[in-house]
Protein backbone atom coordinates (compact mmCIF):
# COMPACT_ATOMS: atom_id res chain seq x y z
CA MET A 1 0.30 17.71 -17.68
CA GLU A 2 -3.32 17.55 -18.93
CA SER A 3 -6.20 17.75 -16.15
CA ILE A 4 -8.47 14.49 -15.91
CA ILE A 5 -12.12 15.31 -15.60
CA LYS A 6 -14.30 12.52 -14.49
CA PRO A 7 -17.96 12.43 -13.41
CA ASN A 8 -17.16 11.37 -9.94
CA TYR A 9 -13.68 13.25 -9.27
CA SER A 10 -11.32 15.65 -10.80
CA ILE A 11 -7.35 15.38 -11.19
CA PHE A 12 -5.41 18.39 -11.52
CA PHE A 13 -1.72 18.89 -11.74
CA GLY A 14 0.46 21.66 -10.13
CA ASN A 15 -0.77 25.05 -9.47
CA THR A 16 -4.09 24.43 -11.31
CA GLY A 17 -4.99 22.16 -8.53
CA TYR A 18 -4.66 24.79 -5.93
CA VAL A 19 -6.78 27.23 -7.99
CA LYS A 20 -9.31 24.47 -8.55
CA LEU A 21 -9.31 23.81 -4.81
CA LEU A 22 -9.98 27.41 -3.85
CA GLU A 23 -12.98 27.35 -6.64
CA LEU A 24 -14.34 24.33 -5.06
CA ILE A 25 -14.18 25.82 -1.44
CA ASN A 26 -15.85 29.10 -2.49
CA LYS A 27 -18.40 27.30 -4.80
CA ASN A 28 -19.58 25.10 -1.87
CA ASN A 29 -19.15 27.38 0.92
CA TYR A 30 -17.85 24.95 3.26
CA ASP A 31 -18.47 25.89 6.91
CA LYS A 32 -15.36 24.27 8.32
CA ILE A 33 -12.30 22.61 6.78
CA LEU A 34 -9.92 19.97 8.24
CA ILE A 35 -6.43 19.61 7.04
CA LEU A 36 -5.41 16.09 7.91
CA SER A 37 -1.60 15.47 7.94
CA ASP A 38 1.03 12.97 9.37
CA SER A 39 4.14 14.04 11.56
CA ASN A 40 6.22 14.25 8.11
CA THR A 41 3.77 16.32 5.89
CA LEU A 42 3.00 18.53 8.84
CA LYS A 43 6.51 19.79 8.77
CA TYR A 44 7.47 19.33 5.11
CA CYS A 45 4.29 19.78 3.05
CA LEU A 46 1.50 21.85 4.98
CA PRO A 47 3.76 25.25 4.81
CA ASN A 48 3.67 24.90 1.09
CA LEU A 49 -0.12 24.16 0.92
CA LYS A 50 -0.85 27.04 3.14
CA ASP A 51 1.18 29.34 0.84
CA GLN A 52 -0.69 28.03 -2.24
CA LEU A 53 -4.05 28.49 -0.82
CA PHE A 54 -3.51 31.93 1.03
CA SER A 55 -0.66 33.70 -1.08
CA ALA A 56 -3.16 36.27 -2.49
CA ASP A 57 -4.02 39.01 -0.03
CA SER A 58 -7.84 38.84 -0.39
CA LYS A 59 -10.92 38.87 1.73
CA SER A 60 -12.01 35.44 0.37
CA ASN A 61 -8.67 33.69 1.11
CA SER A 62 -8.87 35.32 4.76
CA ASP A 63 -12.60 33.90 5.24
CA ILE A 64 -11.26 30.47 4.02
CA GLU A 65 -8.18 30.68 6.44
CA ASN A 66 -10.49 31.33 9.37
CA LYS A 67 -12.34 28.08 8.48
CA ILE A 68 -9.45 25.66 8.78
CA PHE A 69 -8.52 23.35 11.55
CA SER A 70 -5.43 20.87 11.50
CA TYR A 71 -5.35 17.49 12.92
CA THR A 72 -1.89 15.45 12.64
CA VAL A 73 -1.69 11.63 13.03
CA ASN A 74 1.70 9.79 13.66
CA SER A 75 3.09 8.81 10.25
CA GLY A 76 3.28 4.86 9.30
CA GLU A 77 0.71 2.05 8.46
CA GLN A 78 0.23 1.21 12.26
CA THR A 79 -1.70 4.63 12.63
CA LYS A 80 -4.49 3.35 10.22
CA ASN A 81 -6.60 1.85 12.80
CA LEU A 82 -9.92 2.09 14.74
CA ASN A 83 -8.59 3.97 17.69
CA GLU A 84 -6.99 6.73 15.42
CA LEU A 85 -10.46 6.81 13.38
CA LYS A 86 -12.30 7.38 16.68
CA LYS A 87 -9.95 10.31 17.67
CA ILE A 88 -10.35 12.03 14.47
CA CYS A 89 -14.24 11.69 14.60
CA GLU A 90 -14.15 13.01 18.20
CA PHE A 91 -12.19 15.93 17.16
CA LEU A 92 -14.59 16.77 14.25
CA ILE A 93 -17.56 16.42 16.79
CA SER A 94 -15.80 18.72 19.09
CA LYS A 95 -15.07 21.56 16.59
CA GLY A 96 -18.67 21.39 15.18
CA PHE A 97 -17.95 19.90 11.84
CA LYS A 98 -21.26 19.26 9.90
CA ARG A 99 -22.39 17.84 6.46
CA ASN A 100 -21.35 21.05 4.68
CA SER A 101 -17.71 20.60 5.78
CA LEU A 102 -14.61 19.44 4.13
CA ILE A 103 -11.58 17.23 4.88
CA ILE A 104 -8.32 17.81 2.96
CA ASN A 105 -6.05 14.77 3.20
CA LEU A 106 -2.35 15.81 2.97
CA GLY A 107 0.05 12.99 2.97
CA GLY A 108 0.79 9.57 1.54
CA GLY A 109 -1.30 6.50 1.16
CA MET A 110 -1.99 6.05 4.89
CA VAL A 111 -3.60 9.63 5.18
CA SER A 112 -5.72 9.17 2.13
CA ASP A 113 -6.82 5.91 3.21
CA LEU A 114 -7.52 7.09 6.73
CA GLY A 115 -8.92 10.60 5.99
CA GLY A 116 -10.96 9.19 3.11
CA PHE A 117 -12.83 6.60 5.36
CA VAL A 118 -13.34 9.27 8.16
CA SER A 119 -14.97 11.51 5.25
CA SER A 120 -17.11 8.75 4.07
CA ILE A 121 -18.69 7.79 7.54
CA TYR A 122 -18.74 11.04 9.37
CA MET A 123 -22.14 12.52 9.27
CA ARG A 124 -22.91 9.79 6.66
CA GLY A 125 -20.38 11.25 4.44
CA ILE A 126 -18.77 14.70 3.81
CA ASP A 127 -16.74 15.97 0.88
CA PHE A 128 -13.00 15.28 0.72
CA VAL A 129 -9.93 16.40 -1.21
CA ASN A 130 -6.70 14.30 -1.62
CA ILE A 131 -3.44 15.90 -1.89
CA PRO A 132 -0.96 12.86 -2.01
CA THR A 133 2.72 14.02 -1.14
CA SER A 134 4.28 10.52 -1.69
CA LEU A 135 4.84 8.99 -5.23
CA LEU A 136 2.70 6.11 -4.19
CA GLY A 137 -0.26 8.22 -3.14
CA MET A 138 0.02 10.15 -6.45
CA VAL A 139 -0.14 6.95 -8.85
CA ASP A 140 -2.16 4.72 -6.61
CA ALA A 141 -3.60 5.28 -3.16
CA SER A 142 -5.31 8.52 -3.65
CA ILE A 143 -7.06 7.45 -6.96
CA GLY A 144 -9.88 5.05 -7.41
CA GLY A 145 -12.24 5.67 -4.39
CA LYS A 146 -10.87 3.08 -2.06
CA THR A 147 -10.65 3.97 1.61
CA GLY A 148 -9.99 2.06 4.73
CA ILE A 149 -8.19 1.21 7.76
CA ASP A 150 -6.62 -2.10 9.27
CA LEU A 151 -8.01 -4.17 11.93
CA ASN A 152 -5.46 -6.23 14.14
CA ASP A 153 -3.32 -8.09 11.54
CA LEU A 154 -5.62 -7.52 8.67
CA LYS A 155 -4.85 -4.79 6.33
CA ASN A 156 -7.70 -2.62 4.88
CA ILE A 157 -10.24 -5.07 6.06
CA ILE A 158 -12.76 -2.03 7.12
CA GLY A 159 -13.22 0.35 4.38
CA SER A 160 -15.50 1.95 1.68
CA PHE A 161 -15.60 3.20 -1.87
CA GLU A 162 -15.89 6.86 -1.87
CA PHE A 163 -14.25 9.09 -4.50
CA ALA A 164 -12.45 12.57 -3.41
CA LYS A 165 -13.97 15.59 -5.18
CA ILE A 166 -10.43 16.60 -6.30
CA ILE A 167 -7.08 15.07 -6.44
CA ILE A 168 -4.18 17.69 -6.56
CA ILE A 169 -0.70 16.06 -8.07
CA ASP A 170 2.03 18.34 -6.81
CA LEU A 171 5.37 16.73 -8.10
CA ASN A 172 7.30 19.39 -5.90
CA PHE A 173 6.45 17.21 -2.89
CA LEU A 174 8.46 14.29 -4.15
CA SER A 175 11.57 16.38 -3.27
CA THR A 176 10.71 16.05 0.39
CA LEU A 177 10.98 11.99 0.01
CA PRO A 178 13.81 9.84 1.01
CA ILE A 179 14.82 7.42 -1.86
CA ARG A 180 13.26 4.32 -0.10
CA GLN A 181 9.97 6.26 -0.48
CA ILE A 182 10.35 6.85 -3.99
CA ASN A 183 11.20 3.38 -4.78
CA SER A 184 8.13 2.15 -2.86
CA GLY A 185 5.92 4.50 -5.14
CA PHE A 186 7.64 3.07 -8.18
CA ALA A 187 6.66 -0.48 -7.21
CA GLU A 188 3.02 0.58 -8.17
CA MET A 189 4.06 2.05 -11.43
CA ILE A 190 5.95 -1.26 -12.10
CA LYS A 191 2.67 -3.19 -11.45
CA HIS A 192 0.68 -0.66 -13.60
CA SER A 193 3.12 -1.20 -16.43
CA LEU A 194 2.74 -5.04 -16.36
CA ILE A 195 -0.88 -5.29 -16.32
CA ASP A 196 -1.09 -2.56 -19.10
CA SER A 197 1.15 -3.32 -21.98
CA LYS A 198 4.41 -4.61 -23.07
CA LYS A 199 5.21 -0.99 -24.52
CA HIS A 200 4.53 0.28 -21.18
CA TRP A 201 6.78 -2.01 -19.27
CA ASN A 202 9.44 -1.65 -21.76
CA LYS A 203 9.56 2.09 -21.03
CA ILE A 204 9.33 1.62 -17.00
CA SER A 205 12.08 -0.96 -17.10
CA SER A 206 14.39 1.16 -19.23
CA VAL A 207 14.75 3.82 -16.63
CA ASN A 208 16.59 4.42 -13.37
CA PHE A 209 13.44 6.06 -11.85
CA SER A 210 14.93 6.85 -8.50
CA LYS A 211 17.37 9.11 -10.02
CA ASP A 212 15.29 10.65 -12.65
CA VAL A 213 11.52 11.33 -11.93
CA ASP A 214 9.75 11.42 -15.20
CA SER A 215 6.29 13.19 -15.16
CA SER A 216 5.14 11.36 -18.21
CA LEU A 217 5.61 8.03 -16.65
CA ILE A 218 3.63 9.26 -13.67
CA TYR A 219 0.95 10.35 -15.91
CA ASN A 220 0.81 7.02 -17.84
CA SER A 221 0.58 5.13 -14.53
CA ILE A 222 -2.34 7.29 -13.33
CA MET A 223 -4.28 7.02 -16.66
CA THR A 224 -3.73 2.99 -16.56
CA LYS A 225 -5.38 2.92 -13.09
CA ILE A 226 -8.01 5.15 -14.35
CA LYS A 227 -8.95 3.01 -17.37
CA ILE A 228 -9.38 0.01 -15.38
CA ILE A 229 -11.24 1.59 -12.34
CA GLU A 230 -13.66 3.19 -14.97
CA ASN A 231 -14.71 -0.18 -16.16
CA ASP A 232 -15.00 -1.72 -12.83
CA PRO A 233 -15.32 0.89 -9.99
CA LYS A 234 -16.12 -1.45 -7.24
CA GLU A 235 -13.66 -4.58 -8.14
CA SER A 236 -16.18 -6.99 -9.11
CA SER A 237 -14.09 -8.01 -12.39
CA SER A 238 -11.29 -6.30 -14.26
CA ARG A 239 -10.42 -4.00 -11.21
CA LYS A 240 -8.67 -6.99 -9.61
CA PHE A 241 -5.96 -6.76 -12.08
CA LEU A 242 -4.72 -3.88 -9.77
CA ASN A 243 -4.28 -6.48 -7.09
CA PHE A 244 -1.33 -8.00 -9.06
CA GLY A 245 1.50 -8.34 -6.39
CA HIS A 246 -0.97 -7.60 -3.61
CA THR A 247 -2.12 -10.97 -2.86
CA ILE A 248 1.27 -12.02 -1.57
CA GLY A 249 2.37 -8.48 -0.63
CA HIS A 250 -0.53 -7.71 1.54
CA ALA A 251 0.01 -10.97 3.44
CA ILE A 252 3.66 -9.81 3.97
CA GLU A 253 2.47 -6.57 5.44
CA SER A 254 -0.23 -8.10 7.52
CA PHE A 255 2.48 -10.60 8.79
CA LEU A 256 4.68 -7.68 9.78
CA LEU A 257 1.95 -5.26 10.65
CA ASN A 258 2.14 -5.58 14.64
CA SER A 259 6.05 -6.45 14.70
CA ASP A 260 9.01 -4.08 15.27
CA ARG A 261 10.06 -4.72 11.66
CA GLU A 262 8.76 -1.95 9.21
CA ILE A 263 8.08 -2.80 5.61
CA LEU A 264 6.84 -0.14 3.37
CA HIS A 265 3.82 -1.19 1.18
CA GLY A 266 5.68 -0.79 -2.05
CA GLU A 267 8.46 -3.10 -0.84
CA ALA A 268 5.98 -5.73 -0.06
CA ILE A 269 4.46 -5.37 -3.31
CA LEU A 270 7.77 -5.78 -5.20
CA ILE A 271 8.14 -9.18 -3.32
CA GLY A 272 4.68 -10.04 -4.33
CA ILE A 273 5.29 -9.01 -8.04
CA ILE A 274 8.32 -11.29 -8.14
CA LEU A 275 6.70 -14.16 -6.56
CA GLU A 276 3.28 -13.95 -8.35
CA SER A 277 5.13 -13.65 -11.70
CA TYR A 278 7.04 -16.78 -10.85
CA LEU A 279 3.87 -18.56 -9.90
CA SER A 280 2.40 -17.54 -13.29
CA GLN A 281 5.22 -18.77 -15.04
CA LYS A 282 5.15 -22.24 -13.34
CA LEU A 283 1.26 -22.61 -13.32
CA LEU A 284 0.05 -20.75 -16.46
CA ASN A 285 3.21 -20.73 -18.67
CA PHE A 286 3.90 -17.10 -18.32
CA ASP A 287 6.94 -15.89 -20.52
CA THR A 288 10.06 -17.30 -18.64
CA GLN A 289 12.33 -14.54 -19.72
CA LEU A 290 10.04 -11.85 -18.75
CA THR A 291 9.68 -13.28 -15.47
CA LEU A 292 13.55 -13.24 -15.01
CA ASN A 293 13.66 -9.73 -16.33
CA ILE A 294 10.89 -8.50 -13.74
CA LYS A 295 12.87 -10.11 -11.01
CA ASN A 296 16.30 -8.83 -12.22
CA TYR A 297 15.05 -5.22 -12.67
CA ILE A 298 13.37 -5.06 -9.34
CA LEU A 299 16.48 -6.28 -7.56
CA LYS A 300 18.56 -3.55 -9.05
CA PHE A 301 17.08 -1.05 -6.68
CA SER A 302 14.99 -2.77 -4.25
CA LYS A 303 16.12 -3.46 -0.54
CA LYS A 304 16.43 -7.04 0.24
CA ILE A 305 14.24 -7.86 3.12
CA GLN A 306 14.39 -10.80 5.74
CA LEU A 307 11.07 -11.89 6.66
CA MET A 308 11.04 -15.16 8.55
CA LYS A 309 14.08 -15.85 10.61
CA PRO A 310 13.76 -13.26 13.37
CA LEU A 311 10.39 -14.85 14.39
CA PHE A 312 12.16 -17.88 15.84
CA PRO A 313 15.14 -16.73 17.58
CA SER A 314 15.20 -20.06 19.87
CA VAL A 315 15.31 -22.17 16.81
CA ASN A 316 18.57 -22.16 14.63
CA VAL A 317 17.11 -22.86 11.09
CA SER A 318 18.19 -21.90 7.53
CA GLY A 319 16.58 -23.28 4.24
CA TYR A 320 14.04 -26.20 5.15
CA THR A 321 13.00 -26.69 8.37
CA ILE A 322 9.75 -27.82 10.30
CA ILE A 323 8.77 -25.88 13.37
CA GLU A 324 6.35 -26.97 15.77
CA PHE A 325 4.71 -24.28 17.99
CA ASP A 326 1.85 -23.19 20.26
CA VAL A 327 -0.77 -20.60 19.35
CA ASP A 328 -2.18 -18.68 22.20
CA GLN A 329 -5.72 -17.25 22.41
CA ASN A 330 -4.53 -14.21 20.51
CA GLY A 331 -3.16 -16.25 17.44
CA LYS A 332 0.35 -15.30 18.43
CA ILE A 333 3.15 -17.89 18.14
CA GLN A 334 4.60 -19.39 21.46
CA LYS A 335 7.41 -21.85 22.05
CA PRO A 336 8.84 -22.68 18.68
CA ARG A 337 10.91 -25.73 18.40
CA SER A 338 12.43 -27.74 15.65
CA VAL A 339 10.70 -31.17 14.93
CA GLU A 340 12.15 -31.79 11.43
CA SER A 341 12.86 -35.47 12.28
CA LYS A 342 9.21 -36.20 12.55
CA CYS A 343 8.70 -35.79 8.95
CA LEU A 344 9.73 -37.83 6.08
CA LEU A 345 11.78 -36.53 3.18
CA GLN A 346 11.17 -37.77 -0.20
CA LYS A 347 13.42 -37.33 -3.44
CA ARG A 348 11.43 -35.91 -6.20
CA GLY A 349 14.18 -35.14 -8.61
CA SER A 350 17.65 -34.01 -9.02
CA ASP A 351 16.86 -30.64 -7.31
CA ASP A 352 13.54 -30.95 -5.62
CA LYS A 353 12.59 -32.37 -2.22
CA GLU A 354 9.20 -32.75 -0.44
CA PHE A 355 8.01 -33.02 2.99
CA ARG A 356 5.40 -35.73 3.15
CA ASN A 357 2.57 -36.02 5.56
CA CYS A 358 3.16 -32.25 6.56
CA GLY A 359 0.10 -30.28 5.22
CA VAL A 360 -1.58 -29.22 2.23
CA PHE A 361 -0.03 -26.02 0.91
CA ILE A 362 2.80 -26.13 -1.62
CA TYR A 363 5.25 -22.98 -2.04
CA GLU A 364 7.96 -23.12 -4.64
CA SER A 365 10.87 -20.83 -4.14
CA ILE A 366 12.52 -18.91 -7.00
CA ALA A 367 16.05 -19.23 -5.85
CA ALA A 368 15.95 -22.91 -6.18
CA SER A 369 13.32 -25.45 -7.25
CA ARG A 370 12.12 -26.67 -3.97
CA TYR A 371 8.83 -27.49 -2.74
CA ILE A 372 7.67 -26.87 0.66
CA LYS A 373 4.47 -28.26 2.37
CA TYR A 374 3.36 -27.05 5.65
CA THR A 375 -0.06 -27.04 7.77
CA LYS A 376 -1.73 -23.81 8.24
CA PRO A 377 -2.14 -23.16 12.04
CA THR A 378 -5.88 -23.15 12.57
CA ASN A 379 -5.96 -23.46 16.37
CA SER A 380 -6.47 -20.46 18.65
CA ASN A 381 -7.11 -22.19 21.88
CA GLY A 382 -3.54 -22.99 22.98
CA SER A 383 -3.08 -26.15 21.12
CA ALA A 384 0.10 -27.16 19.24
CA CYS A 385 0.35 -26.56 15.63
CA SER A 386 3.01 -27.72 12.82
CA CYS A 387 4.27 -25.48 10.18
CA LEU A 388 7.00 -25.97 7.58
CA LEU A 389 8.87 -22.59 7.07
CA TYR A 390 11.42 -21.39 4.48
CA THR A 391 13.54 -18.82 5.87
CA SER A 392 15.56 -16.76 3.45
CA PRO A 393 17.43 -13.36 3.79
CA SER A 394 16.33 -12.32 0.36
CA PRO A 395 12.91 -11.31 -1.29
CA ARG A 396 13.68 -13.05 -4.41
CA ASP A 397 13.48 -16.34 -2.62
C-alpha cells in the first residue's frame, strides 16, 4: 500500500513504517522514548515492535534501545480517565522526560486516545507516534488528530486536536485479535462506506470481512477519513459526517461506561448506524430499501446486545413500560418501580401507541412502529423522576 504523506503527519504501511520511525528518531535525536501499551499489546505486540526496531546489530539501534522506557495500562475503555492520565504524567516526570522526548502509542483506540492526549499536554506538547494494533485503531482512532479521555459517564469529553508525527499500519497485528475486535473495527469501515459513496458501500457490503481481511478495503477506509479531515480538521462542518452512528453509539457507551456490562466501541456504533439510518428514513426520506439493507447486513455478523432490562431487576418489564425512580446526588438511579397505570394510552393507528402526558422525547423503534415518550430525568437532589423505557434484547430495536 502506498504511503500517505501530509503536511502534519505521515502514514506508512508494514516494514516501511518501522524504517521511517527509526529515521524520525535519529533525525530528531529524542532524549527519551516511552512505549505506551496496554495489557494485551504488552504481550502480543510489543515483542514484534522491538524486533522491528532493533533487528539490526548497529550502534545506532543500541543507542535507541537505551533511551526506551515502557509503561503499561489495563486494557479497556475504563482506563481512559483522569487518574490514569495523572499516573502516566507522573511516570514521565520521574524518568526525566523533556520536550525533546517521544511517546509511541502501541495499541488500539484507547491507547492512541490516552497516549495522544498525554503527548499533547505534557510539557505543553511533545511528539508522538501511533502504531495501532486493532482494526478500529488502524482505520479510525489513530488517524485524524483527535485525542481524549472520559470523565465520569461522558466519553471523550476532555481532549485535544493533535496529530501524530507518524502512523504505522502493520496488518500483521490483526492476527492477534479475536473476531469480536475485528468486527468492532469493521463498524467504522461500514460507517466510512456509507458517508463516502454508493460504490464504496456496495463493495463493503458484499464481503464477509471477518473471514477475509482485505487490505484494499482498509486503505480505502483510511482515505475516506483523510479526505474529510483535510477539509475540516477541527470538526466545524463536514468532519461531523464522521459522527454518523456516534450520536446514539456514544450515548450507549456512556450509559454502560461504569457498569459491569462491556460493550466495544464498534458494537455501540453498529447500533447507532442502524438507528440513525432508520431515523433518517423516517424524518428525511432516506432510502427505505437501503435502510433495511444496512440493518440486515450488520445483523449478519453483529452480536445482539441487551441494553436496558438489567438496570431494573426489581421491575418485571418488557416492551412498553413506565418506570418511576429516584435519582441520588451522583445521578444514579435508585428504587425503580412501575407506574404504568398513571399514564393514559391513546391509539394512534393500527400498530401505534403513544403515552400521553409523559414527556417530550419521541423514540420510534425499528422492530415495530411504536412511539415512546418519556421525561428526561433532570433532578440530582434525590427527588423522583418518571421515565418511559423500551426494553429490548436486540440492537435492531
